[in-house]
C-alpha atoms as a PDB file:
ATOM      1  CA  MET A   1      53.182 108.337  31.634  1.00  0.00           C
ATOM      2  CA  THR A   2      53.860 104.849  32.839  1.00  0.00           C
ATOM      3  CA  ASP A   3      54.467 101.909  30.566  1.00  0.00           C
ATOM      4  CA  ASP A   4      51.096 100.415  31.569  1.00  0.00           C
ATOM      5  CA  SER A   5      49.139 103.513  30.562  1.00  0.00           C
ATOM      6  CA  LYS A   6      51.058 103.746  27.285  1.00  0.00           C
ATOM      7  CA  ASP A   7      50.198 100.130  26.467  1.00  0.00           C
ATOM      8  CA  ASN A   8      46.522 100.747  27.260  1.00  0.00           C
ATOM      9  CA  SER A   9      46.316 103.818  25.022  1.00  0.00           C
ATOM     10  CA  GLU A  10      47.993 101.989  22.132  1.00  0.00           C
ATOM     11  CA  LYS A  11      45.605  99.059  22.483  1.00  0.00           C
ATOM     12  CA  SER A  12      42.530 101.274  22.619  1.00  0.00           C
ATOM     13  CA  SER A  13      43.544 103.227  19.492  1.00  0.00           C
ATOM     14  CA  ALA A  14      44.144  99.976  17.599  1.00  0.00           C
ATOM     15  CA  ASP A  15      40.760  98.626  18.700  1.00  0.00           C
ATOM     16  CA  ILE A  16      38.842 101.487  17.056  1.00  0.00           C
ATOM     17  CA  GLY A  17      39.906 100.506  13.522  1.00  0.00           C
ATOM     18  CA  LEU A  18      37.489  98.986  11.041  1.00  0.00           C
ATOM     19  CA  GLU A  19      37.659  95.384   9.954  1.00  0.00           C
ATOM     20  CA  PRO A  20      39.704  94.925   6.748  1.00  0.00           C
ATOM     21  CA  LEU A  21      36.696  93.569   4.817  1.00  0.00           C
ATOM     22  CA  LEU A  22      34.604  96.565   5.833  1.00  0.00           C
ATOM     23  CA  GLN A  23      37.419  98.947   4.858  1.00  0.00           C
ATOM     24  CA  ALA A  24      37.689  97.247   1.453  1.00  0.00           C
ATOM     25  CA  HIS A  25      33.915  97.467   0.926  1.00  0.00           C
ATOM     26  CA  ILE A  26      33.848 101.166   1.793  1.00  0.00           C
ATOM     27  CA  GLY A  27      36.813 101.748  -0.512  1.00  0.00           C
ATOM     28  CA  ARG A  28      35.076 100.008  -3.422  1.00  0.00           C
ATOM     29  CA  LYS A  29      31.878 101.996  -2.905  1.00  0.00           C
ATOM     30  CA  LEU A  30      33.772 105.292  -2.732  1.00  0.00           C
ATOM     31  CA  ARG A  31      35.680 104.457  -5.934  1.00  0.00           C
ATOM     32  CA  GLU A  32      32.405 103.596  -7.704  1.00  0.00           C
ATOM     33  CA  PHE A  33      30.864 106.878  -6.604  1.00  0.00           C
ATOM     34  CA  TYR A  34      33.822 109.050  -7.607  1.00  0.00           C
ATOM     35  CA  ASP A  35      34.368 107.192 -10.891  1.00  0.00           C
ATOM     36  CA  SER A  36      30.760 107.890 -11.895  1.00  0.00           C
ATOM     37  CA  ALA A  37      31.145 111.562 -10.911  1.00  0.00           C
ATOM     38  CA  VAL A  38      34.312 111.895 -13.001  1.00  0.00           C
ATOM     39  CA  ARG A  39      32.559 110.447 -16.064  1.00  0.00           C
ATOM     40  CA  GLU A  40      29.796 113.074 -15.923  1.00  0.00           C
ATOM     41  CA  PRO A  41      30.163 115.910 -18.436  1.00  0.00           C
ATOM     42  CA  VAL A  42      31.313 119.309 -17.222  1.00  0.00           C
ATOM     43  CA  PRO A  43      28.324 121.696 -17.083  1.00  0.00           C
ATOM     44  CA  ASP A  44      28.341 124.452 -19.706  1.00  0.00           C
ATOM     45  CA  ARG A  45      28.381 127.134 -16.996  1.00  0.00           C
ATOM     46  CA  PHE A  46      31.612 125.715 -15.581  1.00  0.00           C
ATOM     47  CA  LYS A  47      33.158 125.625 -19.062  1.00  0.00           C
ATOM     48  CA  LEU A  48      32.288 129.295 -19.544  1.00  0.00           C
ATOM     49  CA  LEU A  49      33.800 130.218 -16.188  1.00  0.00           C
ATOM     50  CA  LEU A  50      36.986 128.277 -16.963  1.00  0.00           C
ATOM     51  CA  ASP A  51      37.250 130.018 -20.346  1.00  0.00           C
ATOM     52  CA  GLN A  52      36.825 133.414 -18.672  1.00  0.00           C
ATOM     53  CA  LEU A  53      39.510 132.606 -16.117  1.00  0.00           C
ATOM     54  CA  GLU A  54      41.894 131.440 -18.816  1.00  0.00           C
ATOM     55  CA  ASN A  55      41.283 134.583 -20.901  1.00  0.00           C
ATOM     56  CA  ASP A  56      41.790 136.837 -17.865  1.00  0.00           C
ATOM     57  CA  GLU A  57      45.011 135.008 -17.062  1.00  0.00           C
ATOM     58  CA  LEU A  58      46.290 135.370 -20.637  1.00  0.00           C
ATOM     59  CA  GLU A  59      45.443 139.076 -20.606  1.00  0.00           C
ATOM     60  CA  SER A  60      47.280 139.635 -17.324  1.00  0.00           C
ATOM     61  CA  VAL A  61      50.343 137.786 -18.674  1.00  0.00           C
ATOM     62  CA  GLY A  62      50.175 139.938 -21.801  1.00  0.00           C
ATOM     63  CA  ASP A  63      49.909 143.117 -19.721  1.00  0.00           C
ATOM     64  CA  LYS A  64      52.942 142.100 -17.679  1.00  0.00           C
ATOM     65  CA  ALA A  65      54.919 141.372 -20.841  1.00  0.00           C
ATOM     66  CA  GLU A  66      54.002 144.806 -22.268  1.00  0.00           C
ATOM     67  CA  GLY A  67      55.083 146.476 -19.041  1.00  0.00           C
ATOM     68  CA  LYS A  68      58.482 144.764 -19.166  1.00  0.00           C
ATOM     69  CA  ALA A  69      58.922 145.736 -22.823  1.00  0.00           C
ATOM     70  CA  GLU A  70      58.203 149.381 -21.994  1.00  0.00           C
ATOM     71  CA  GLN A  71      60.734 149.343 -19.156  1.00  0.00           C
ATOM     72  CA  ALA A  72      63.506 147.983 -21.389  1.00  0.00           C
END
């Protein structure tokens, strides 16, 4: 690759960027959207699933602890 072609590729990749004001606007809108999503309550179905996962995890930890106690 010659120096000229390298310079051209660097210039073209820099030219595709968004204007700083547009980037800031998009960033603000994305933050607004995600902030509102985070403030929404967790659906009851998700809470139930999380509780089931936690209980299954506690049971498997308990089973492992019992297995170690039996081996000792």
